[in-house]
PDB file of N, CA and C in Angstrom:
ATOM      1  N   MET A   1      79.310  84.467  97.277  1.00  0.00           N
ATOM      2  CA  MET A   1      80.065  85.395  97.341  1.00  0.00           C
ATOM      3  C   MET A   1      80.386  86.904  96.512  1.00  0.00           C
ATOM      4  N   THR A   2      79.429  87.862  96.886  1.00  0.00           N
ATOM      5  CA  THR A   2      79.396  89.269  96.375  1.00  0.00           C
ATOM      6  C   THR A   2      80.487  89.846  96.087  1.00  0.00           C
ATOM      7  N   GLY A   3      80.917  90.224  95.373  1.00  0.00           N
ATOM      8  CA  GLY A   3      81.823  91.182  94.830  1.00  0.00           C
ATOM      9  C   GLY A   3      83.159  89.997  94.711  1.00  0.00           C
ATOM     10  N   GLN A   4      82.963  88.867  94.574  1.00  0.00           N
ATOM     11  CA  GLN A   4      83.880  88.534  94.503  1.00  0.00           C
ATOM     12  C   GLN A   4      84.620  88.289  93.252  1.00  0.00           C
ATOM     13  N   HIS A   5      85.597  87.830  92.660  1.00  0.00           N
ATOM     14  CA  HIS A   5      86.175  87.354  91.545  1.00  0.00           C
ATOM     15  C   HIS A   5      87.104  86.839  91.177  1.00  0.00           C
ATOM     16  N   PHE A   6      87.736  86.334  89.982  1.00  0.00           N
ATOM     17  CA  PHE A   6      88.754  85.332  89.776  1.00  0.00           C
ATOM     18  C   PHE A   6      89.246  85.492  88.087  1.00  0.00           C
ATOM     19  N   ALA A   7      90.151  85.347  88.077  1.00  0.00           N
ATOM     20  CA  ALA A   7      90.899  84.961  87.027  1.00  0.00           C
ATOM     21  C   ALA A   7      92.012  83.825  86.659  1.00  0.00           C
ATOM     22  N   ILE A   8      92.184  82.859  85.747  1.00  0.00           N
ATOM     23  CA  ILE A   8      92.797  82.497  85.223  1.00  0.00           C
ATOM     24  C   ILE A   8      93.802  82.837  84.560  1.00  0.00           C
ATOM     25  N   PHE A   9      95.426  82.774  84.791  1.00  0.00           N
ATOM     26  CA  PHE A   9      96.765  83.363  84.228  1.00  0.00           C
ATOM     27  C   PHE A   9      97.269  82.061  84.077  1.00  0.00           C
ATOM     28  N   ASP A  10      98.445  82.092  83.174  1.00  0.00           N
ATOM     29  CA  ASP A  10      99.733  81.446  82.044  1.00  0.00           C
ATOM     30  C   ASP A  10     100.166  81.251  82.996  1.00  0.00           C
ATOM     31  N   SER A  11     101.375  80.373  83.601  1.00  0.00           N
ATOM     32  CA  SER A  11     102.520  81.147  84.202  1.00  0.00           C
ATOM     33  C   SER A  11     103.851  79.517  83.824  1.00  0.00           C
ATOM     34  N   ALA A  12     104.783  79.316  83.760  1.00  0.00           N
ATOM     35  CA  ALA A  12     106.087  78.493  83.794  1.00  0.00           C
ATOM     36  C   ALA A  12     105.405  77.228  84.630  1.00  0.00           C
ATOM     37  N   ILE A  13     104.389  76.934  85.190  1.00  0.00           N
ATOM     38  CA  ILE A  13     104.536  75.497  85.421  1.00  0.00           C
ATOM     39  C   ILE A  13     102.670  75.191  85.783  1.00  0.00           C
ATOM     40  N   GLY A  14     101.907  75.958  84.844  1.00  0.00           N
ATOM     41  CA  GLY A  14     100.309  75.629  84.383  1.00  0.00           C
ATOM     42  C   GLY A  14     100.185  76.602  84.966  1.00  0.00           C
ATOM     43  N   PRO A  15      98.717  77.187  84.201  1.00  0.00           N
ATOM     44  CA  PRO A  15      97.580  78.080  84.311  1.00  0.00           C
ATOM     45  C   PRO A  15      97.368  77.861  85.946  1.00  0.00           C
ATOM     46  N   CYS A  16      96.844  78.857  86.570  1.00  0.00           N
ATOM     47  CA  CYS A  16      97.251  79.122  87.844  1.00  0.00           C
ATOM     48  C   CYS A  16      95.546  80.410  87.524  1.00  0.00           C
ATOM     49  N   GLY A  17      95.307  80.860  89.074  1.00  0.00           N
ATOM     50  CA  GLY A  17      94.390  81.566  89.414  1.00  0.00           C
ATOM     51  C   GLY A  17      94.447  81.882  90.763  1.00  0.00           C
ATOM     52  N   ILE A  18      93.746  83.150  90.453  1.00  0.00           N
ATOM     53  CA  ILE A  18      93.746  84.365  91.007  1.00  0.00           C
ATOM     54  C   ILE A  18      92.624  85.037  91.731  1.00  0.00           C
ATOM     55  N   VAL A  19      91.822  84.811  93.639  1.00  0.00           N
ATOM     56  CA  VAL A  19      90.556  85.714  92.776  1.00  0.00           C
ATOM     57  C   VAL A  19      91.112  86.432  94.419  1.00  0.00           C
ATOM     58  N   TRP A  20      89.646  88.054  93.683  1.00  0.00           N
ATOM     59  CA  TRP A  20      89.737  88.988  95.009  1.00  0.00           C
ATOM     60  C   TRP A  20      88.507  89.467  94.887  1.00  0.00           C
ATOM     61  N   GLY A  21      88.849  90.571  95.687  1.00  0.00           N
ATOM     62  CA  GLY A  21      87.231  91.090  95.870  1.00  0.00           C
ATOM     63  C   GLY A  21      86.768  92.547  96.369  1.00  0.00           C
ATOM     64  N   GLU A  22      86.256  93.116  97.869  1.00  0.00           N
ATOM     65  CA  GLU A  22      86.397  94.751  97.531  1.00  0.00           C
ATOM     66  C   GLU A  22      87.535  94.951  98.813  1.00  0.00           C
ATOM     67  N   ARG A  23      88.023  93.437  99.252  1.00  0.00           N
ATOM     68  CA  ARG A  23      89.204  93.454 100.662  1.00  0.00           C
ATOM     69  C   ARG A  23      90.893  92.873  99.760  1.00  0.00           C
ATOM     70  N   GLY A  24      90.678  92.970  98.295  1.00  0.00           N
ATOM     71  CA  GLY A  24      92.234  92.769  98.248  1.00  0.00           C
ATOM     72  C   GLY A  24      91.942  91.796  97.432  1.00  0.00           C
ATOM     73  N   ILE A  25      93.515  90.678  97.093  1.00  0.00           N
ATOM     74  CA  ILE A  25      93.205  89.551  96.719  1.00  0.00           C
ATOM     75  C   ILE A  25      93.196  88.132  98.007  1.00  0.00           C
ATOM     76  N   SER A  26      92.720  87.737  98.275  1.00  0.00           N
ATOM     77  CA  SER A  26      91.970  86.528  98.757  1.00  0.00           C
ATOM     78  C   SER A  26      92.270  85.305  98.836  1.00  0.00           C
ATOM     79  N   GLY A  27      92.843  84.928  97.483  1.00  0.00           N
ATOM     80  CA  GLY A  27      93.625  83.596  97.197  1.00  0.00           C
ATOM     81  C   GLY A  27      94.306  83.703  95.874  1.00  0.00           C
ATOM     82  N   VAL A  28      95.269  82.387  96.496  1.00  0.00           N
ATOM     83  CA  VAL A  28      95.903  82.255  94.642  1.00  0.00           C
ATOM     84  C   VAL A  28      95.499  80.437  94.415  1.00  0.00           C
ATOM     85  N   GLN A  29      95.596  80.144  93.310  1.00  0.00           N
ATOM     86  CA  GLN A  29      95.488  78.741  92.925  1.00  0.00           C
ATOM     87  C   GLN A  29      96.457  78.534  92.618  1.00  0.00           C
ATOM     88  N   LEU A  30      97.159  77.217  92.503  1.00  0.00           N
ATOM     89  CA  LEU A  30      98.468  76.666  91.910  1.00  0.00           C
ATOM     90  C   LEU A  30      97.924  75.714  90.656  1.00  0.00           C
ATOM     91  N   PRO A  31      98.694  74.984  89.656  1.00  0.00           N
ATOM     92  CA  PRO A  31      97.753  74.583  88.945  1.00  0.00           C
ATOM     93  C   PRO A  31      97.309  73.635  89.086  1.00  0.00           C
ATOM     94  N   MET A  32      96.449  72.775  88.687  1.00  0.00           N
ATOM     95  CA  MET A  32      95.526  71.387  89.067  1.00  0.00           C
ATOM     96  C   MET A  32      96.112  70.351  87.962  1.00  0.00           C
ATOM     97  N   GLY A  33      96.777  70.908  87.127  1.00  0.00           N
ATOM     98  CA  GLY A  33      97.210  69.827  86.348  1.00  0.00           C
ATOM     99  C   GLY A  33      96.307  70.373  84.555  1.00  0.00           C
ATOM    100  N   SER A  34      95.404  70.884  84.431  1.00  0.00           N
ATOM    101  CA  SER A  34      94.938  71.923  82.808  1.00  0.00           C
ATOM    102  C   SER A  34      93.754  73.057  83.405  1.00  0.00           C
ATOM    103  N   GLU A  35      93.943  73.620  82.725  1.00  0.00           N
ATOM    104  CA  GLU A  35      92.937  75.320  83.475  1.00  0.00           C
ATOM    105  C   GLU A  35      91.839  74.509  83.621  1.00  0.00           C
ATOM    106  N   GLU A  36      90.675  73.997  83.499  1.00  0.00           N
ATOM    107  CA  GLU A  36      89.511  73.841  83.260  1.00  0.00           C
ATOM    108  C   GLU A  36      89.177  73.002  84.865  1.00  0.00           C
ATOM    109  N   LYS A  37      90.502  72.192  85.312  1.00  0.00           N
ATOM    110  CA  LYS A  37      90.690  71.639  86.602  1.00  0.00           C
ATOM    111  C   LYS A  37      91.017  72.974  87.683  1.00  0.00           C
ATOM    112  N   THR A  38      91.919  73.706  87.288  1.00  0.00           N
ATOM    113  CA  THR A  38      92.189  74.751  88.097  1.00  0.00           C
ATOM    114  C   THR A  38      91.085  75.658  88.459  1.00  0.00           C
ATOM    115  N   ARG A  39      90.305  75.956  87.425  1.00  0.00           N
ATOM    116  CA  ARG A  39      88.860  76.954  87.562  1.00  0.00           C
ATOM    117  C   ARG A  39      87.968  75.939  88.625  1.00  0.00           C
ATOM    118  N   LYS A  40      88.140  74.766  88.292  1.00  0.00           N
ATOM    119  CA  LYS A  40      87.067  73.688  89.053  1.00  0.00           C
ATOM    120  C   LYS A  40      87.423  73.702  90.852  1.00  0.00           C
ATOM    121  N   ARG A  41      88.744  74.403  91.165  1.00  0.00           N
ATOM    122  CA  ARG A  41      89.425  73.761  92.036  1.00  0.00           C
ATOM    123  C   ARG A  41      88.883  74.957  92.901  1.00  0.00           C
ATOM    124  N   ILE A  42      88.856  76.591  92.111  1.00  0.00           N
ATOM    125  CA  ILE A  42      88.769  77.672  92.774  1.00  0.00           C
ATOM    126  C   ILE A  42      87.354  77.652  92.939  1.00  0.00           C
ATOM    127  N   HIS A  43      86.229  76.838  92.422  1.00  0.00           N
ATOM    128  CA  HIS A  43      84.844  77.513  92.558  1.00  0.00           C
ATOM    129  C   HIS A  43      84.773  76.419  93.732  1.00  0.00           C
ATOM    130  N   GLN A  44      85.350  74.789  93.825  1.00  0.00           N
ATOM    131  CA  GLN A  44      85.240  73.946  95.205  1.00  0.00           C
ATOM    132  C   GLN A  44      85.528  75.109  96.245  1.00  0.00           C
ATOM    133  N   ARG A  45      86.689  75.860  96.088  1.00  0.00           N
ATOM    134  CA  ARG A  45      87.305  76.412  97.469  1.00  0.00           C
ATOM    135  C   ARG A  45      85.775  77.802  97.769  1.00  0.00           C
ATOM    136  N   ASN A  46      85.666  78.269  96.708  1.00  0.00           N
ATOM    137  CA  ASN A  46      85.472  79.706  97.304  1.00  0.00           C
ATOM    138  C   ASN A  46      83.608  79.525  97.022  1.00  0.00           C
ATOM    139  N   GLY A  47      83.078  78.993  96.205  1.00  0.00           N
ATOM    140  CA  GLY A  47      81.833  78.914  95.575  1.00  0.00           C
ATOM    141  C   GLY A  47      81.586  79.566  94.095  1.00  0.00           C
ATOM    142  N   GLU A  48      80.618  79.996  93.886  1.00  0.00           N
ATOM    143  CA  GLU A  48      80.249  80.572  92.466  1.00  0.00           C
ATOM    144  C   GLU A  48      80.911  82.122  92.271  1.00  0.00           C
ATOM    145  N   LEU A  49      82.095  82.287  91.865  1.00  0.00           N
ATOM    146  CA  LEU A  49      82.592  83.467  91.516  1.00  0.00           C
ATOM    147  C   LEU A  49      82.687  83.867  90.391  1.00  0.00           C
ATOM    148  N   THR A  50      83.283  85.043  89.916  1.00  0.00           N
ATOM    149  CA  THR A  50      82.445  85.466  88.553  1.00  0.00           C
ATOM    150  C   THR A  50      84.168  85.962  88.125  1.00  0.00           C
ATOM    151  N   GLU A  51      84.016  84.805  86.557  1.00  0.00           N
ATOM    152  CA  GLU A  51      85.694  84.954  86.299  1.00  0.00           C
ATOM    153  C   GLU A  51      85.502  86.521  85.620  1.00  0.00           C
ATOM    154  N   ALA A  52      86.785  87.565  85.546  1.00  0.00           N
ATOM    155  CA  ALA A  52      86.835  89.065  85.258  1.00  0.00           C
ATOM    156  C   ALA A  52      87.843  89.712  84.897  1.00  0.00           C
ATOM    157  N   PRO A  53      88.389  90.101  84.358  1.00  0.00           N
ATOM    158  CA  PRO A  53      89.772  90.814  83.612  1.00  0.00           C
ATOM    159  C   PRO A  53      89.902  91.376  85.528  1.00  0.00           C
ATOM    160  N   PRO A  54      91.866  90.914  85.596  1.00  0.00           N
ATOM    161  CA  PRO A  54      92.011  91.413  86.914  1.00  0.00           C
ATOM    162  C   PRO A  54      92.091  92.664  86.493  1.00  0.00           C
ATOM    163  N   PRO A  55      91.221  94.159  87.873  1.00  0.00           N
ATOM    164  CA  PRO A  55      92.100  95.526  87.810  1.00  0.00           C
ATOM    165  C   PRO A  55      93.920  95.276  87.928  1.00  0.00           C
ATOM    166  N   ALA A  56      93.912  96.735  87.692  1.00  0.00           N
ATOM    167  CA  ALA A  56      95.276  97.246  87.433  1.00  0.00           C
ATOM    168  C   ALA A  56      96.327  96.316  88.856  1.00  0.00           C
ATOM    169  N   GLU A  57      96.076  96.432  89.761  1.00  0.00           N
ATOM    170  CA  GLU A  57      96.741  96.263  91.479  1.00  0.00           C
ATOM    171  C   GLU A  57      96.316  94.816  91.256  1.00  0.00           C
ATOM    172  N   VAL A  58      95.442  93.750  90.725  1.00  0.00           N
ATOM    173  CA  VAL A  58      95.683  92.582  90.488  1.00  0.00           C
ATOM    174  C   VAL A  58      96.724  91.746  89.435  1.00  0.00           C
ATOM    175  N   GLN A  59      96.323  92.965  89.018  1.00  0.00           N
ATOM    176  CA  GLN A  59      96.869  91.830  87.020  1.00  0.00           C
ATOM    177  C   GLN A  59      98.589  92.652  88.063  1.00  0.00           C
ATOM    178  N   ARG A  60      98.971  94.020  87.980  1.00  0.00           N
ATOM    179  CA  ARG A  60     100.800  93.756  88.784  1.00  0.00           C
ATOM    180  C   ARG A  60     100.866  92.777  90.209  1.00  0.00           C
ATOM    181  N   ALA A  61     100.318  91.811  90.656  1.00  0.00           N
ATOM    182  CA  ALA A  61     100.509  90.776  91.168  1.00  0.00           C
ATOM    183  C   ALA A  61     100.343  89.807  90.464  1.00  0.00           C
ATOM    184  N   ILE A  62      99.458  89.333  89.616  1.00  0.00           N
ATOM    185  CA  ILE A  62      99.602  88.654  88.646  1.00  0.00           C
ATOM    186  C   ILE A  62     101.379  88.294  87.954  1.00  0.00           C
ATOM    187  N   ASP A  63     101.394  89.646  87.462  1.00  0.00           N
ATOM    188  CA  ASP A  63     102.872  89.773  86.935  1.00  0.00           C
ATOM    189  C   ASP A  63     103.693  89.213  87.808  1.00  0.00           C
ATOM    190  N   GLY A  64     103.848  89.751  88.940  1.00  0.00           N
ATOM    191  CA  GLY A  64     105.178  89.687  89.728  1.00  0.00           C
ATOM    192  C   GLY A  64     105.124  87.882  89.683  1.00  0.00           C
ATOM    193  N   MET A  65     104.048  86.823  89.960  1.00  0.00           N
ATOM    194  CA  MET A  65     103.857  85.866  90.299  1.00  0.00           C
ATOM    195  C   MET A  65     104.613  85.239  88.802  1.00  0.00           C
ATOM    196  N   ILE A  66     104.310  85.625  87.910  1.00  0.00           N
ATOM    197  CA  ILE A  66     104.394  85.195  86.778  1.00  0.00           C
ATOM    198  C   ILE A  66     106.056  85.148  86.593  1.00  0.00           C
ATOM    199  N   GLU A  67     106.614  86.160  87.095  1.00  0.00           N
ATOM    200  CA  GLU A  67     108.302  86.207  86.753  1.00  0.00           C
ATOM    201  C   GLU A  67     109.321  85.164  87.987  1.00  0.00           C
ATOM    202  N   LEU A  68     107.908  85.142  89.074  1.00  0.00           N
ATOM    203  CA  LEU A  68     108.498  83.791  90.242  1.00  0.00           C
ATOM    204  C   LEU A  68     108.485  83.104  89.905  1.00  0.00           C
ATOM    205  N   LEU A  69     107.387  82.607  89.048  1.00  0.00           N
ATOM    206  CA  LEU A  69     107.128  80.914  88.576  1.00  0.00           C
ATOM    207  C   LEU A  69     107.880  80.855  87.657  1.00  0.00           C
ATOM    208  N   ALA A  70     108.737  81.669  87.019  1.00  0.00           N
ATOM    209  CA  ALA A  70     109.474  81.389  85.776  1.00  0.00           C
ATOM    210  C   ALA A  70     111.175  81.268  86.507  1.00  0.00           C
ATOM    211  N   GLY A  71     111.080  82.185  87.951  1.00  0.00           N
ATOM    212  CA  GLY A  71     112.445  81.868  88.222  1.00  0.00           C
ATOM    213  C   GLY A  71     113.221  83.081  88.615  1.00  0.00           C
ATOM    214  N   LYS A  72     112.588  84.069  88.195  1.00  0.00           N
ATOM    215  CA  LYS A  72     112.896  85.785  88.369  1.00  0.00           C
ATOM    216  C   LYS A  72     112.962  85.837  89.343  1.00  0.00           C
ATOM    217  N   PRO A  73     113.724  87.011  90.261  1.00  0.00           N
ATOM    218  CA  PRO A  73     113.800  87.686  91.667  1.00  0.00           C
ATOM    219  C   PRO A  73     112.387  88.707  91.559  1.00  0.00           C
ATOM    220  N   ASN A  74     111.473  88.414  92.615  1.00  0.00           N
ATOM    221  CA  ASN A  74     110.391  89.562  92.530  1.00  0.00           C
ATOM    222  C   ASN A  74     109.611  89.512  93.946  1.00  0.00           C
ATOM    223  N   ASP A  75     109.861  90.241  94.883  1.00  0.00           N
ATOM    224  CA  ASP A  75     109.345  90.128  96.363  1.00  0.00           C
ATOM    225  C   ASP A  75     108.033  90.202  96.177  1.00  0.00           C
ATOM    226  N   LEU A  76     107.100  90.640  95.387  1.00  0.00           N
ATOM    227  CA  LEU A  76     106.039  90.870  95.165  1.00  0.00           C
ATOM    228  C   LEU A  76     105.224  91.839  96.012  1.00  0.00           C
ATOM    229  N   CYS A  77     106.426  92.876  96.306  1.00  0.00           N
ATOM    230  CA  CYS A  77     105.966  93.983  97.250  1.00  0.00           C
ATOM    231  C   CYS A  77     106.565  95.266  96.592  1.00  0.00           C
ATOM    232  N   PRO A  78     105.685  96.202  96.506  1.00  0.00           N
ATOM    233  CA  PRO A  78     106.573  97.784  96.013  1.00  0.00           C
ATOM    234  C   PRO A  78     107.576  97.949  97.227  1.00  0.00           C
ATOM    235  N   THR A  79     108.739  98.544  96.464  1.00  0.00           N
ATOM    236  CA  THR A  79     109.899  98.732  97.067  1.00  0.00           C
ATOM    237  C   THR A  79     109.580 100.376  98.330  1.00  0.00           C
ATOM    238  N   SER A  80     108.209 100.636  97.904  1.00  0.00           N
ATOM    239  CA  SER A  80     107.983 101.825  99.486  1.00  0.00           C
ATOM    240  C   SER A  80     107.299 101.444 100.107  1.00  0.00           C
ATOM    241  N   ARG A  81     106.992 100.392 100.075  1.00  0.00           N
ATOM    242  CA  ARG A  81     105.979  99.561 101.495  1.00  0.00           C
ATOM    243  C   ARG A  81     106.752  98.143 102.032  1.00  0.00           C
ATOM    244  N   SER A  82     106.997  98.645 103.353  1.00  0.00           N
ATOM    245  CA  SER A  82     107.668  97.715 104.209  1.00  0.00           C
ATOM    246  C   SER A  82     107.102  96.564 104.704  1.00  0.00           C
ATOM    247  N   ILE A  83     107.949  95.684 105.721  1.00  0.00           N
ATOM    248  CA  ILE A  83     107.258  94.508 106.037  1.00  0.00           C
ATOM    249  C   ILE A  83     106.203  94.701 106.622  1.00  0.00           C
ATOM    250  N   SER A  84     106.601  96.019 107.639  1.00  0.00           N
ATOM    251  CA  SER A  84     105.381  96.276 108.878  1.00  0.00           C
ATOM    252  C   SER A  84     104.046  96.630 108.484  1.00  0.00           C
ATOM    253  N   THR A  85     104.048  97.555 106.850  1.00  0.00           N
ATOM    254  CA  THR A  85     102.996  98.037 106.363  1.00  0.00           C
ATOM    255  C   THR A  85     101.843  96.598 106.061  1.00  0.00           C
ATOM    256  N   ALA A  86     103.099  95.892 105.539  1.00  0.00           N
ATOM    257  CA  ALA A  86     102.403  94.737 103.816  1.00  0.00           C
ATOM    258  C   ALA A  86     102.376  93.745 105.028  1.00  0.00           C
ATOM    259  N   CYS A  87     102.740  93.303 106.142  1.00  0.00           N
ATOM    260  CA  CYS A  87     102.404  92.580 107.779  1.00  0.00           C
ATOM    261  C   CYS A  87     101.998  93.275 108.614  1.00  0.00           C
ATOM    262  N   PRO A  88     101.707  93.835 109.496  1.00  0.00           N
ATOM    263  CA  PRO A  88     101.042  94.548 110.758  1.00  0.00           C
ATOM    264  C   PRO A  88     101.543  93.806 112.477  1.00  0.00           C
ATOM    265  N   ASN A  89     101.876  92.608 111.661  1.00  0.00           N
ATOM    266  CA  ASN A  89     101.454  91.824 112.646  1.00  0.00           C
ATOM    267  C   ASN A  89     103.313  91.377 112.821  1.00  0.00           C
ATOM    268  N   SER A  90     103.730  91.253 112.042  1.00  0.00           N
ATOM    269  CA  SER A  90     105.544  90.552 111.801  1.00  0.00           C
ATOM    270  C   SER A  90     106.543  91.282 112.949  1.00  0.00           C
ATOM    271  N   THR A  91     107.506  90.977 112.171  1.00  0.00           N
ATOM    272  CA  THR A  91     108.553  91.898 113.253  1.00  0.00           C
ATOM    273  C   THR A  91     110.265  91.347 112.138  1.00  0.00           C
ATOM    274  N   ALA A  92     110.718  92.259 111.614  1.00  0.00           N
ATOM    275  CA  ALA A  92     111.939  91.757 111.492  1.00  0.00           C
ATOM    276  C   ALA A  92     112.641  90.850 111.318  1.00  0.00           C
ATOM    277  N   GLY A  93     112.901  90.045 110.772  1.00  0.00           N
ATOM    278  CA  GLY A  93     113.381  88.436 111.285  1.00  0.00           C
ATOM    279  C   GLY A  93     112.907  87.261 111.256  1.00  0.00           C
ATOM    280  N   SER A  94     111.748  87.910 110.982  1.00  0.00           N
ATOM    281  CA  SER A  94     110.494  86.807 111.379  1.00  0.00           C
ATOM    282  C   SER A  94     109.593  86.153 110.254  1.00  0.00           C
ATOM    283  N   THR A  95     109.504  84.694 110.223  1.00  0.00           N
ATOM    284  CA  THR A  95     109.212  83.801 109.355  1.00  0.00           C
ATOM    285  C   THR A  95     107.888  83.451 109.358  1.00  0.00           C
ATOM    286  N   THR A  96     106.882  83.507 108.518  1.00  0.00           N
ATOM    287  CA  THR A  96     105.166  82.734 108.871  1.00  0.00           C
ATOM    288  C   THR A  96     105.043  81.133 108.542  1.00  0.00           C
ATOM    289  N   SER A  97     104.165  80.515 108.863  1.00  0.00           N
ATOM    290  CA  SER A  97     103.683  79.191 108.871  1.00  0.00           C
ATOM    291  C   SER A  97     102.520  79.447 109.593  1.00  0.00           C
ATOM    292  N   ARG A  98     101.323  78.689 108.313  1.00  0.00           N
ATOM    293  CA  ARG A  98     100.216  77.987 108.728  1.00  0.00           C
ATOM    294  C   ARG A  98      99.817  79.195 109.398  1.00  0.00           C
ATOM    295  N   GLY A  99     100.024  80.500 108.588  1.00  0.00           N
ATOM    296  CA  GLY A  99      99.177  81.832 108.799  1.00  0.00           C
ATOM    297  C   GLY A  99      99.656  82.581 110.647  1.00  0.00           C
ATOM    298  N   LYS A 100     100.971  81.867 110.936  1.00  0.00           N
ATOM    299  CA  LYS A 100     100.978  82.487 112.515  1.00  0.00           C
ATOM    300  C   LYS A 100     102.853  82.980 112.240  1.00  0.00           C
ATOM    301  N   PHE A 101     103.060  84.249 112.344  1.00  0.00           N
ATOM    302  CA  PHE A 101     104.567  84.397 112.738  1.00  0.00           C
ATOM    303  C   PHE A 101     106.008  83.838 113.664  1.00  0.00           C
ATOM    304  N   ARG A 102     106.588  83.698 113.771  1.00  0.00           N
ATOM    305  CA  ARG A 102     107.677  83.379 114.573  1.00  0.00           C
ATOM    306  C   ARG A 102     109.026  83.679 114.029  1.00  0.00           C
ATOM    307  N   ARG A 103     109.455  83.803 115.653  1.00  0.00           N
ATOM    308  CA  ARG A 103     110.723  84.640 115.775  1.00  0.00           C
ATOM    309  C   ARG A 103     111.683  83.715 114.595  1.00  0.00           C
ATOM    310  N   ALA A 104     112.861  84.629 113.610  1.00  0.00           N
ATOM    311  CA  ALA A 104     113.923  84.079 113.233  1.00  0.00           C
ATOM    312  C   ALA A 104     114.766  83.502 113.986  1.00  0.00           C
ATOM    313  N   ARG A 105     115.787  82.264 113.757  1.00  0.00           N
ATOM    314  CA  ARG A 105     116.202  81.869 114.576  1.00  0.00           C
ATOM    315  C   ARG A 105     117.679  82.488 114.063  1.00  0.00           C
ATOM    316  N   PRO A 106     118.673  82.619 115.314  1.00  0.00           N
ATOM    317  CA  PRO A 106     119.725  83.257 114.819  1.00  0.00           C
ATOM    318  C   PRO A 106     120.877  81.986 114.658  1.00  0.00           C
TER     319      PRO A 106
END
């Protein structure tokens, strides 16, 4: 996968991974028990990727995930972005499961 990279980062629940490319973040890996196992799982799911320092926008996402995994509130979206911008196929009051949005029940 040309143009795809990954990084491993420490969190309160263990070493996590993140994958990104030209179109942004394409995957996140929760801990697999050790840094090496997490790295191996990323390669199993994505093929041979290059490990690299994350660019600034990916680092901001990592910082947000670290806060969330430590129990701190963080919605991972900048306040200037609305849900319709971040998720154009969603509507207010909807939730997502397996990639499909569902209308929230009242």
